[in-house]
Amino acid sequence: MKTLENWNEQIHFEVPADRFRTPTNVEEVQEIVRGAYAQDQKVKVVGALHSTTECMVGTGAVLSMENMKRIRPIDPAAGTVTVEAGVTLHDLCAELKKHRLQPPVVLEFGNFQIGAISGTHANDTSVTRGAQFSSYVVGAKLVTPTGEILEVSETQNSQLLPAIRSHFGLFGVVCEVTLRVFKNRPLQITTRAQEVTHFLDHFQEEMVNLKATSDQVFGMLFPHTGKLLWECRKFVDPPAPGIPPLEGWDDVFQRKGIHFYKDVLVPLVKAGMGVSHSAVVADLLSKAVIEVPLGIFRHGSYLIDPCDRGVVYQEHDPNFDFYDWMFPEVSWCDMVRAFLALYDRFRRGRDFTLPLPTLIYFVQRDDASLLSRSRNSGMMAVDPTYPDPADPDWHDFRMAFNKIAMEHGGIPHINKTRDGAIHHFADACDQNALQAYLQARQQADPKDLFLNDFFKTLFRLGPASARSFTAGPGKAPAAPRSGPGPRVGGSPGKRPPASAGS
């Protein structure tokens, strides 16, 4: 048996050795899927196992795409690159950097595999353009449940593209992805700190200022001290040849700032929490370990190459936990106030603290994917992080967080919100889009070959899969439109073309 576990070691499952497969080409994938289909086995692709939910747990044939990592020649005229599913974000960035290009979205985790993040909630932060990685997918090649090849693009089976951008591994085995790429432009980073109460009290004014001066804004809220640190990023023209982007004694530290969370912050907080979980220790950690070192970044601006942001996490790197929810901008202030009140209750009642910052990022309104969390409005995250995923008080805090998150219009991250996404996503997301998605998924995979228990529970599906889903009493919602293009998912009861693999 082979034991697989996720990145923070909280989810484990075993796979018989002969069912764990690492194909090297599309033909091998077809052979594996056809065999599973004939034997009524499930098929699951595990990706980089970074998820903190059970979305990647498989019970039949389990595939790792790690050996399918070829990058096709870049198409400069189209501004696209095609890669195999196992290519990591780090390797893609390294290749694009040679051509003075960059992915449209560069996340902090370089281990992510492109096949996985091409159809999930993976996002960065942006106040000027789409922040979801999948929104820039313009084509994909999949192996369908019967082992056939399905190609989806803006010109071929285009009606399926919004669903494939939310594939979550449920439509087939994604073998290739074509992605839009951009000219490489450095990000100029400036930081500023303020009291969270001031930001909340002057929210409209502060938001106008952030959006007017930045392309991306990333926030770190320290609940214990009420401090809010903004990292403001602006795309700028590259410096002239021979002029270094940074000058001064803190150049090295500044350049390594993009690794600060991984290499400095989390290990020190874990060490402190190993001594004591008390509020006194949390206060010392916040001030001595977090706020003082971060103060160096406020000495001025500096430049980074976005292609350098994809950090490769090693197997034994710190295994902290996320709890990612997003909220409409109009609800965000009330949610943060409720979150701080909840934190205060846990701090007073249980001496429970959040020594790591709560992360804030922006996702602009974006309906390019059916299960986009920002289909209907611009969204802002409230994403608490914690150094000990197994702490029972952290579990209880998450459960209480779920309740107030739903009260404020929150939508959980399917891959990062353990115990929250599985129970709340189906209620929180756009119901019309969900119905269209489930119809398309059922038509593409009528035997539920790719549907595991996590997604069956998440979408509240019985044996009849999408046919058991209801969005309201006796009423099936119409499929939504994705921009000016054709209706997504087709009319109720109408099957997509045979090329969809059904």
Protein backbone atom coordinates (compact mmCIF):
# COMPACT_ATOMS: atom_id res chain seq x y z
CA MET A 1 0.00 0.00 0.00
CA LYS A 2 1.11 3.56 -0.69
CA THR A 3 0.15 6.21 1.89
CA LEU A 4 -0.56 9.70 0.59
CA GLU A 5 -0.94 12.74 2.80
CA ASN A 6 -1.67 16.38 2.17
CA TRP A 7 0.85 19.17 2.68
CA ASN A 8 0.02 19.90 6.35
CA GLU A 9 -0.20 16.20 7.23
CA GLN A 10 -3.83 16.30 8.36
CA ILE A 11 -5.34 14.12 5.61
CA HIS A 12 -4.07 10.60 4.92
CA PHE A 13 -5.31 7.85 2.65
CA GLU A 14 -3.90 4.60 1.34
CA VAL A 15 -3.77 3.40 -2.25
CA PRO A 16 -2.88 -0.13 -3.36
CA ALA A 17 0.53 0.05 -5.00
CA ASP A 18 -0.79 -1.25 -8.32
CA ARG A 19 -3.45 1.48 -8.43
CA PHE A 20 -1.13 4.44 -7.90
CA ARG A 21 -0.09 5.44 -11.39
CA THR A 22 2.33 8.04 -12.75
CA PRO A 23 1.68 8.17 -16.51
CA THR A 24 4.20 9.78 -18.82
CA ASN A 25 1.95 10.53 -21.79
CA VAL A 26 -1.66 10.86 -22.88
CA GLU A 27 -1.82 7.31 -24.24
CA GLU A 28 -0.97 5.88 -20.82
CA VAL A 29 -3.66 8.04 -19.25
CA GLN A 30 -6.19 6.72 -21.78
CA GLU A 31 -5.23 3.12 -20.97
CA ILE A 32 -5.61 3.72 -17.21
CA VAL A 33 -8.99 5.45 -17.55
CA ARG A 34 -10.38 2.82 -19.93
CA GLY A 35 -9.37 0.08 -17.53
CA ALA A 36 -11.01 1.85 -14.60
CA TYR A 37 -14.16 2.49 -16.62
CA ALA A 38 -14.44 -1.18 -17.57
CA GLN A 39 -14.01 -2.26 -13.92
CA ASP A 40 -16.29 0.45 -12.44
CA GLN A 41 -13.36 1.93 -10.51
CA LYS A 42 -13.12 5.57 -9.54
CA VAL A 43 -10.31 7.76 -10.92
CA LYS A 44 -8.70 10.60 -9.00
CA VAL A 45 -5.78 12.89 -9.88
CA VAL A 46 -4.04 14.11 -6.73
CA GLY A 47 -2.14 17.17 -7.94
CA ALA A 48 0.47 18.52 -5.52
CA LEU A 49 -1.57 17.40 -2.47
CA HIS A 50 -1.55 20.97 -1.22
CA SER A 51 -5.28 21.05 -0.45
CA THR A 52 -6.44 21.08 3.17
CA THR A 53 -9.76 19.43 2.28
CA GLU A 54 -10.41 15.83 1.22
CA CYS A 55 -11.02 16.92 -2.38
CA MET A 56 -8.05 14.88 -3.62
CA VAL A 57 -8.80 11.61 -1.80
CA GLY A 58 -9.15 8.69 -4.22
CA THR A 59 -10.42 5.13 -3.76
CA GLY A 60 -9.79 3.54 -7.17
CA ALA A 61 -7.09 4.42 -9.66
CA VAL A 62 -5.08 7.34 -8.26
CA LEU A 63 -2.96 9.33 -10.69
CA SER A 64 -0.04 11.66 -10.16
CA MET A 65 0.80 13.73 -13.22
CA GLU A 66 4.31 14.49 -11.97
CA ASN A 67 5.90 12.74 -14.96
CA MET A 68 3.91 14.72 -17.51
CA LYS A 69 5.75 18.01 -17.32
CA ARG A 70 6.64 19.06 -20.84
CA ILE A 71 6.27 22.70 -21.85
CA ARG A 72 5.31 23.20 -25.49
CA PRO A 73 6.84 26.01 -27.59
CA ILE A 74 5.42 29.40 -26.67
CA ASP A 75 3.15 31.05 -29.22
CA PRO A 76 4.23 34.73 -29.15
CA ALA A 77 1.58 35.83 -31.67
CA ALA A 78 -1.28 34.33 -29.67
CA GLY A 79 0.32 35.20 -26.32
CA THR A 80 -0.20 31.65 -25.03
CA VAL A 81 1.76 28.67 -23.76
CA THR A 82 0.66 25.02 -23.67
CA VAL A 83 1.94 22.78 -20.89
CA GLU A 84 1.33 19.25 -19.69
CA ALA A 85 -0.68 18.90 -16.51
CA GLY A 86 2.24 18.01 -14.24
CA VAL A 87 4.24 21.17 -14.95
CA THR A 88 4.64 23.09 -11.71
CA LEU A 89 4.04 26.80 -11.41
CA HIS A 90 7.69 27.24 -10.43
CA ASP A 91 8.92 25.50 -13.58
CA LEU A 92 6.48 27.41 -15.78
CA CYS A 93 7.68 30.70 -14.32
CA ALA A 94 11.31 29.73 -14.88
CA GLU A 95 10.64 28.94 -18.54
CA LEU A 96 8.55 32.05 -19.19
CA LYS A 97 11.17 34.23 -17.53
CA LYS A 98 13.67 33.18 -20.23
CA HIS A 99 11.30 34.69 -22.79
CA ARG A 100 10.58 37.83 -20.73
CA LEU A 101 7.04 36.61 -20.07
CA GLN A 102 5.05 35.78 -16.96
CA PRO A 103 1.87 33.87 -16.09
CA PRO A 104 -1.18 36.10 -15.64
CA VAL A 105 -1.41 35.03 -12.00
CA VAL A 106 1.59 33.95 -9.91
CA LEU A 107 0.77 32.36 -6.58
CA GLU A 108 3.16 31.95 -3.68
CA PHE A 109 3.21 28.15 -3.90
CA GLY A 110 5.47 27.04 -6.73
CA ASN A 111 4.63 23.37 -6.17
CA PHE A 112 1.15 23.83 -7.66
CA GLN A 113 0.64 21.77 -10.81
CA ILE A 114 -0.90 23.60 -13.75
CA GLY A 115 -3.39 20.83 -14.52
CA ALA A 116 -4.85 21.20 -11.04
CA ILE A 117 -4.96 24.98 -10.69
CA SER A 118 -6.36 25.33 -14.21
CA GLY A 119 -9.75 24.39 -12.80
CA THR A 120 -9.87 25.29 -9.11
CA HIS A 121 -10.23 28.37 -6.89
CA ALA A 122 -6.49 29.15 -7.01
CA ASN A 123 -6.03 32.91 -7.02
CA ASP A 124 -3.65 35.71 -6.20
CA THR A 125 -4.85 39.22 -5.39
CA SER A 126 -5.69 42.05 -7.77
CA VAL A 127 -7.65 45.27 -7.77
CA THR A 128 -7.29 45.90 -11.51
CA ARG A 129 -7.76 42.57 -13.34
CA GLY A 130 -8.86 38.99 -12.80
CA ALA A 131 -7.04 37.26 -9.96
CA GLN A 132 -8.21 33.69 -10.58
CA PHE A 133 -5.70 31.50 -12.40
CA SER A 134 -8.36 29.47 -14.21
CA SER A 135 -9.85 32.58 -15.83
CA TYR A 136 -6.83 32.76 -18.13
CA VAL A 137 -7.13 29.17 -19.34
CA VAL A 138 -8.00 29.31 -23.04
CA GLY A 139 -7.78 25.60 -23.81
CA ALA A 140 -7.51 22.16 -22.26
CA LYS A 141 -7.08 18.57 -23.42
CA LEU A 142 -8.81 15.94 -21.28
CA VAL A 143 -9.18 12.17 -21.26
CA THR A 144 -12.89 11.46 -20.83
CA PRO A 145 -14.41 8.58 -18.79
CA THR A 146 -14.41 6.31 -21.85
CA GLY A 147 -10.77 7.08 -22.62
CA GLU A 148 -11.42 9.43 -25.52
CA ILE A 149 -9.71 12.78 -26.03
CA LEU A 150 -11.78 15.91 -25.45
CA GLU A 151 -10.38 19.27 -26.51
CA VAL A 152 -12.01 22.42 -25.15
CA SER A 153 -11.01 25.92 -26.17
CA GLU A 154 -12.41 29.28 -27.14
CA THR A 155 -13.09 27.86 -30.63
CA GLN A 156 -13.67 24.15 -29.95
CA ASN A 157 -16.42 22.93 -27.58
CA SER A 158 -16.39 26.47 -26.25
CA GLN A 159 -19.68 25.99 -24.39
CA LEU A 160 -17.77 23.77 -21.94
CA LEU A 161 -14.91 26.18 -21.25
CA PRO A 162 -16.52 27.95 -18.23
CA ALA A 163 -17.17 24.53 -16.67
CA ILE A 164 -13.66 23.24 -17.42
CA ARG A 165 -12.25 26.35 -15.70
CA SER A 166 -13.94 24.88 -12.60
CA HIS A 167 -13.20 21.24 -13.42
CA PHE A 168 -11.89 20.24 -9.95
CA GLY A 169 -10.89 16.96 -11.56
CA LEU A 170 -14.54 16.00 -12.15
CA PHE A 171 -14.77 16.06 -15.96
CA GLY A 172 -11.83 13.84 -16.89
CA VAL A 173 -8.07 13.72 -16.56
CA VAL A 174 -6.65 17.06 -17.65
CA CYS A 175 -3.51 16.30 -19.65
CA GLU A 176 -2.69 19.64 -21.28
CA VAL A 177 -3.55 23.25 -20.57
CA THR A 178 -3.20 26.29 -22.80
CA LEU A 179 -2.75 29.47 -20.81
CA ARG A 180 -2.65 33.13 -21.71
CA VAL A 181 0.66 34.79 -20.78
CA PHE A 182 1.76 38.40 -20.41
CA LYS A 183 4.88 40.45 -20.93
CA ASN A 184 7.09 40.25 -17.87
CA ARG A 185 6.86 43.43 -15.80
CA PRO A 186 8.37 43.86 -12.33
CA LEU A 187 6.19 44.51 -9.34
CA GLN A 188 7.10 47.54 -7.27
CA ILE A 189 6.31 46.79 -3.64
CA THR A 190 5.50 49.33 -0.96
CA THR A 191 4.06 48.62 2.46
CA ARG A 192 2.15 50.62 5.00
CA ALA A 193 0.70 49.81 8.39
CA GLN A 194 -2.38 51.17 10.12
CA GLU A 195 -4.88 50.32 12.81
CA VAL A 196 -7.62 48.05 11.54
CA THR A 197 -10.24 50.19 13.29
CA HIS A 198 -9.13 53.21 11.25
CA PHE A 199 -9.39 51.25 8.00
CA LEU A 200 -12.87 49.98 8.88
CA ASP A 201 -14.09 53.42 9.93
CA HIS A 202 -12.81 54.99 6.68
CA PHE A 203 -13.39 52.00 4.41
CA GLN A 204 -14.67 53.75 1.28
CA GLU A 205 -11.91 56.36 1.31
CA GLU A 206 -9.20 53.79 2.02
CA MET A 207 -10.45 51.49 -0.74
CA VAL A 208 -10.44 54.28 -3.30
CA ASN A 209 -6.83 55.07 -2.36
CA LEU A 210 -5.69 51.44 -2.54
CA LYS A 211 -7.28 50.87 -5.94
CA ALA A 212 -5.98 54.14 -7.34
CA THR A 213 -2.36 53.48 -6.42
CA SER A 214 -1.97 49.70 -6.79
CA ASP A 215 -2.51 46.82 -9.19
CA GLN A 216 -2.45 44.24 -6.41
CA VAL A 217 -3.03 44.62 -2.68
CA PHE A 218 -2.24 41.96 -0.11
CA GLY A 219 -3.11 42.49 3.54
CA MET A 220 -2.03 40.92 6.80
CA LEU A 221 -4.30 41.55 9.78
CA PHE A 222 -2.88 40.78 13.23
CA PRO A 223 -6.00 40.18 15.35
CA HIS A 224 -4.12 40.20 18.65
CA THR A 225 -2.76 43.73 18.21
CA GLY A 226 -5.30 45.17 15.77
CA LYS A 227 -2.55 46.10 13.29
CA LEU A 228 -3.08 45.91 9.54
CA LEU A 229 -0.12 45.71 7.15
CA TRP A 230 -0.74 46.34 3.45
CA GLU A 231 1.62 45.16 0.75
CA CYS A 232 0.82 47.34 -2.26
CA ARG A 233 2.09 46.11 -5.64
CA LYS A 234 2.32 48.09 -8.86
CA PHE A 235 3.44 46.80 -12.27
CA VAL A 236 6.21 49.02 -13.61
CA ASP A 237 8.55 49.07 -16.58
CA PRO A 238 11.74 47.02 -16.15
CA PRO A 239 14.78 48.96 -14.94
CA ALA A 240 17.42 49.90 -17.48
CA PRO A 241 20.09 47.23 -18.10
CA GLY A 242 22.83 47.23 -15.49
CA ILE A 243 20.79 49.09 -12.84
CA PRO A 244 19.95 46.82 -9.89
CA PRO A 245 16.34 47.01 -8.75
CA LEU A 246 17.38 47.33 -5.10
CA GLU A 247 20.10 49.32 -3.40
CA GLY A 248 21.23 49.46 0.19
CA TRP A 249 22.19 47.22 3.07
CA ASP A 250 18.84 45.48 3.21
CA ASP A 251 18.81 44.37 -0.44
CA VAL A 252 19.16 40.68 0.39
CA PHE A 253 16.50 40.79 3.09
CA GLN A 254 14.12 42.67 0.80
CA ARG A 255 14.61 40.22 -2.04
CA LYS A 256 13.97 37.35 0.34
CA GLY A 257 10.84 39.09 1.63
CA ILE A 258 8.67 37.03 -0.70
CA HIS A 259 9.85 33.98 1.33
CA PHE A 260 9.43 35.66 4.71
CA TYR A 261 6.23 33.84 5.62
CA LYS A 262 7.68 30.41 4.78
CA ASP A 263 11.28 30.74 5.97
CA VAL A 264 11.03 33.09 8.95
CA LEU A 265 7.55 33.81 10.24
CA VAL A 266 5.98 30.34 10.48
CA PRO A 267 9.02 28.53 11.96
CA LEU A 268 9.47 31.19 14.67
CA VAL A 269 5.79 31.22 15.57
CA LYS A 270 5.74 27.43 15.75
CA ALA A 271 8.75 27.51 18.06
CA GLY A 272 7.04 30.03 20.31
CA MET A 273 3.77 28.13 20.34
CA GLY A 274 5.71 25.03 21.31
CA VAL A 275 6.62 26.79 24.54
CA SER A 276 3.16 28.16 25.32
CA HIS A 277 -0.19 28.90 23.63
CA SER A 278 -0.94 31.76 26.00
CA ALA A 279 -2.01 35.28 25.04
CA VAL A 280 1.20 36.66 26.57
CA VAL A 281 3.30 34.58 24.19
CA ALA A 282 1.08 35.61 21.28
CA ASP A 283 1.62 39.26 22.15
CA LEU A 284 5.40 38.80 22.22
CA LEU A 285 5.31 36.91 18.95
CA SER A 286 3.20 39.59 17.29
CA LYS A 287 5.50 42.40 18.33
CA ALA A 288 8.96 40.85 18.42
CA VAL A 289 8.69 38.21 15.72
CA ILE A 290 6.22 39.74 13.29
CA GLU A 291 5.76 43.49 13.45
CA VAL A 292 9.35 44.54 14.14
CA PRO A 293 10.95 42.45 11.35
CA LEU A 294 8.23 43.51 8.92
CA GLY A 295 9.02 47.13 9.72
CA ILE A 296 12.12 46.91 7.54
CA PHE A 297 9.85 46.69 4.50
CA ARG A 298 8.47 50.14 5.28
CA HIS A 299 11.83 51.81 4.60
CA GLY A 300 10.91 52.26 0.95
CA SER A 301 9.80 50.50 -2.17
CA TYR A 302 11.56 47.64 -3.89
CA LEU A 303 11.12 45.58 -7.05
CA ILE A 304 10.56 41.86 -7.52
CA ASP A 305 10.15 39.76 -10.63
CA PRO A 306 6.70 38.13 -10.40
CA CYS A 307 8.22 34.92 -11.78
CA ASP A 308 10.25 34.64 -8.56
CA ARG A 309 7.19 34.52 -6.32
CA GLY A 310 6.43 30.80 -6.75
CA VAL A 311 8.12 29.37 -3.64
CA VAL A 312 8.87 25.64 -3.67
CA TYR A 313 7.76 24.10 -0.39
CA GLN A 314 9.71 21.02 0.67
CA GLU A 315 8.14 17.96 2.27
CA HIS A 316 9.06 18.99 5.81
CA ASP A 317 8.38 22.70 5.55
CA PRO A 318 6.12 24.24 8.22
CA ASN A 319 2.65 22.71 8.02
CA PHE A 320 0.41 25.61 9.03
CA ASP A 321 -3.30 25.77 8.20
CA PHE A 322 -5.53 28.10 6.15
CA TYR A 323 -9.23 28.85 6.52
CA ASP A 324 -10.14 30.79 3.40
CA TRP A 325 -13.51 32.55 2.95
CA MET A 326 -14.33 35.42 0.60
CA PHE A 327 -16.95 38.14 1.11
CA PRO A 328 -18.56 40.79 -1.09
CA GLU A 329 -16.80 44.11 -0.61
CA VAL A 330 -20.04 45.62 0.74
CA SER A 331 -20.15 42.99 3.52
CA TRP A 332 -16.45 42.83 4.34
CA CYS A 333 -16.29 45.47 7.07
CA ASP A 334 -19.16 43.93 9.04
CA MET A 335 -17.57 40.51 8.63
CA VAL A 336 -14.20 41.71 9.94
CA ARG A 337 -15.88 43.30 12.96
CA ALA A 338 -17.72 40.03 13.64
CA PHE A 339 -14.48 38.09 13.15
CA LEU A 340 -12.60 40.29 15.65
CA ALA A 341 -15.45 39.95 18.16
CA LEU A 342 -15.35 36.16 17.74
CA TYR A 343 -11.60 36.17 18.23
CA ASP A 344 -11.95 38.27 21.38
CA ARG A 345 -14.47 35.80 22.82
CA PHE A 346 -12.13 32.87 22.20
CA ARG A 347 -9.16 34.80 23.57
CA ARG A 348 -10.98 35.69 26.78
CA GLY A 349 -12.80 32.40 27.21
CA ARG A 350 -10.09 29.93 26.17
CA ASP A 351 -6.86 31.91 26.08
CA PHE A 352 -6.88 31.07 22.37
CA THR A 353 -4.80 33.27 20.08
CA LEU A 354 -4.06 33.66 16.38
CA PRO A 355 -0.31 34.34 16.35
CA LEU A 356 -0.13 34.22 12.54
CA PRO A 357 -1.74 36.99 10.49
CA THR A 358 -5.17 36.71 8.94
CA LEU A 359 -4.69 37.17 5.20
CA ILE A 360 -6.64 39.63 3.06
CA TYR A 361 -6.68 39.60 -0.72
CA PHE A 362 -8.89 40.92 -3.50
CA VAL A 363 -10.64 39.11 -6.36
CA GLN A 364 -12.39 41.28 -8.91
CA ARG A 365 -15.80 40.36 -10.30
CA ASP A 366 -15.16 37.48 -12.70
CA ASP A 367 -17.60 35.02 -14.28
CA ALA A 368 -15.12 33.27 -16.59
CA SER A 369 -15.50 30.05 -14.58
CA LEU A 370 -18.83 28.58 -13.51
CA LEU A 371 -17.90 28.14 -9.85
CA SER A 372 -16.04 31.44 -9.57
CA ARG A 373 -16.38 32.89 -6.09
CA SER A 374 -16.64 36.37 -7.58
CA ARG A 375 -19.30 35.74 -10.22
CA ASN A 376 -21.56 38.49 -8.91
CA SER A 377 -19.32 41.05 -7.21
CA GLY A 378 -15.80 41.99 -6.25
CA MET A 379 -14.70 39.97 -3.22
CA MET A 380 -12.29 40.33 -0.31
CA ALA A 381 -10.88 37.50 1.75
CA VAL A 382 -10.78 36.88 5.46
CA ASP A 383 -8.34 33.98 5.67
CA PRO A 384 -7.13 33.12 9.19
CA THR A 385 -3.95 31.04 9.36
CA TYR A 386 -2.79 28.95 12.29
CA PRO A 387 0.49 27.15 13.10
CA ASP A 388 -1.02 23.96 14.59
CA PRO A 389 -3.64 22.35 12.32
CA ALA A 390 -4.47 19.67 14.92
CA ASP A 391 -5.23 22.05 17.81
CA PRO A 392 -8.82 21.32 19.03
CA ASP A 393 -9.35 25.00 19.90
CA TRP A 394 -8.47 25.90 16.31
CA HIS A 395 -11.10 23.40 15.16
CA ASP A 396 -13.74 24.98 17.39
CA PHE A 397 -12.76 28.45 16.24
CA ARG A 398 -13.18 27.38 12.62
CA MET A 399 -16.65 26.00 13.31
CA ALA A 400 -17.71 29.25 14.96
CA PHE A 401 -16.14 31.18 12.07
CA ASN A 402 -18.30 29.20 9.62
CA LYS A 403 -21.46 30.47 11.23
CA ILE A 404 -20.63 34.17 11.06
CA ALA A 405 -19.15 33.73 7.56
CA MET A 406 -22.46 32.43 6.21
CA GLU A 407 -24.31 35.27 7.95
CA HIS A 408 -22.18 37.78 6.01
CA GLY A 409 -22.48 36.28 2.53
CA GLY A 410 -19.20 34.37 2.60
CA ILE A 411 -18.12 31.74 0.06
CA PRO A 412 -15.54 29.15 1.18
CA HIS A 413 -12.57 27.95 -0.85
CA ILE A 414 -13.22 24.35 -1.96
CA ASN A 415 -9.55 23.36 -1.61
CA LYS A 416 -8.60 25.31 1.52
CA THR A 417 -11.58 25.46 3.89
CA ARG A 418 -11.72 22.14 5.72
CA ASP A 419 -15.06 21.42 7.42
CA GLY A 420 -16.41 24.64 5.96
CA ALA A 421 -16.51 24.15 2.21
CA ILE A 422 -18.01 20.68 2.35
CA HIS A 423 -21.04 21.84 4.36
CA HIS A 424 -21.56 25.38 3.07
CA PHE A 425 -20.33 25.82 -0.49
CA ALA A 426 -23.51 24.54 -2.16
CA ASP A 427 -25.57 27.11 -0.25
CA ALA A 428 -23.13 29.97 -0.62
CA CYS A 429 -22.29 29.92 -4.33
CA ASP A 430 -24.32 31.19 -7.29
CA GLN A 431 -27.23 28.74 -7.59
CA ASN A 432 -27.81 29.12 -11.32
CA ALA A 433 -24.13 28.56 -12.03
CA LEU A 434 -24.09 25.54 -9.73
CA GLN A 435 -27.03 23.95 -11.52
CA ALA A 436 -25.41 24.51 -14.93
CA TYR A 437 -22.13 23.09 -13.62
CA LEU A 438 -23.75 19.94 -12.23
CA GLN A 439 -25.66 19.35 -15.45
CA ALA A 440 -22.48 19.68 -17.52
CA ARG A 441 -20.56 17.43 -15.12
CA GLN A 442 -23.20 14.71 -15.18
CA GLN A 443 -23.38 14.76 -18.97
CA ALA A 444 -19.59 14.52 -19.24
CA ASP A 445 -19.27 11.76 -16.61
CA PRO A 446 -22.57 9.82 -16.41
CA LYS A 447 -20.99 6.92 -14.46
CA ASP A 448 -19.47 9.33 -11.88
CA LEU A 449 -16.03 7.91 -12.57
CA PHE A 450 -14.34 11.08 -11.28
CA LEU A 451 -16.74 11.91 -8.43
CA ASN A 452 -15.29 11.12 -4.99
CA ASP A 453 -17.07 11.21 -1.62
CA PHE A 454 -15.90 14.75 -0.84
CA PHE A 455 -17.52 16.27 -3.91
CA LYS A 456 -20.57 14.03 -3.59
CA THR A 457 -21.15 15.50 -0.13
CA LEU A 458 -20.11 19.02 -1.16
CA PHE A 459 -22.68 19.11 -3.97
CA ARG A 460 -25.24 17.02 -2.02
CA LEU A 461 -25.46 14.42 -4.74
CA GLY A 462 -27.19 11.08 -4.51
CA PRO A 463 -26.69 8.13 -6.85
CA ALA A 464 -28.34 10.11 -9.65
CA SER A 465 -25.65 12.80 -9.33
CA ALA A 466 -26.77 16.16 -10.79
CA ARG A 467 -30.35 14.99 -11.24
CA SER A 468 -30.82 14.99 -7.45
CA PHE A 469 -29.73 18.61 -7.05
CA THR A 470 -32.43 21.22 -6.50
CA ALA A 471 -31.81 24.91 -6.13
CA GLY A 472 -35.29 25.71 -4.85
CA PRO A 473 -38.74 24.25 -4.25
CA GLY A 474 -39.75 22.61 -7.51
CA LYS A 475 -37.78 25.01 -9.69
CA ALA A 476 -34.66 24.27 -11.71
CA PRO A 477 -32.81 27.54 -12.41
CA ALA A 478 -31.86 28.50 -15.92
CA ALA A 479 -28.23 28.16 -16.88
CA PRO A 480 -26.32 31.44 -16.48
CA ARG A 481 -24.66 33.34 -19.25
CA SER A 482 -20.92 33.84 -19.26
CA GLY A 483 -20.41 37.27 -20.82
CA PRO A 484 -21.75 37.82 -24.33
CA GLY A 485 -21.12 34.25 -25.47
CA PRO A 486 -23.50 31.31 -25.76
CA ARG A 487 -25.51 29.97 -22.85
CA VAL A 488 -23.40 27.72 -20.64
CA GLY A 489 -24.54 24.15 -20.04
CA GLY A 490 -27.29 24.14 -22.68
CA SER A 491 -31.01 23.85 -22.15
CA PRO A 492 -32.32 21.56 -19.39
CA GLY A 493 -32.21 17.99 -20.59
CA LYS A 494 -30.18 18.79 -23.70
CA ARG A 495 -26.91 16.91 -24.06
CA PRO A 496 -23.71 18.57 -25.31
CA PRO A 497 -22.14 17.40 -28.56
CA ALA A 498 -20.79 13.86 -28.72
CA SER A 499 -17.27 15.26 -28.59
CA ALA A 500 -17.91 16.13 -24.94
CA GLY A 501 -17.22 12.51 -24.10
CA SER A 502 -20.64 11.52 -22.83
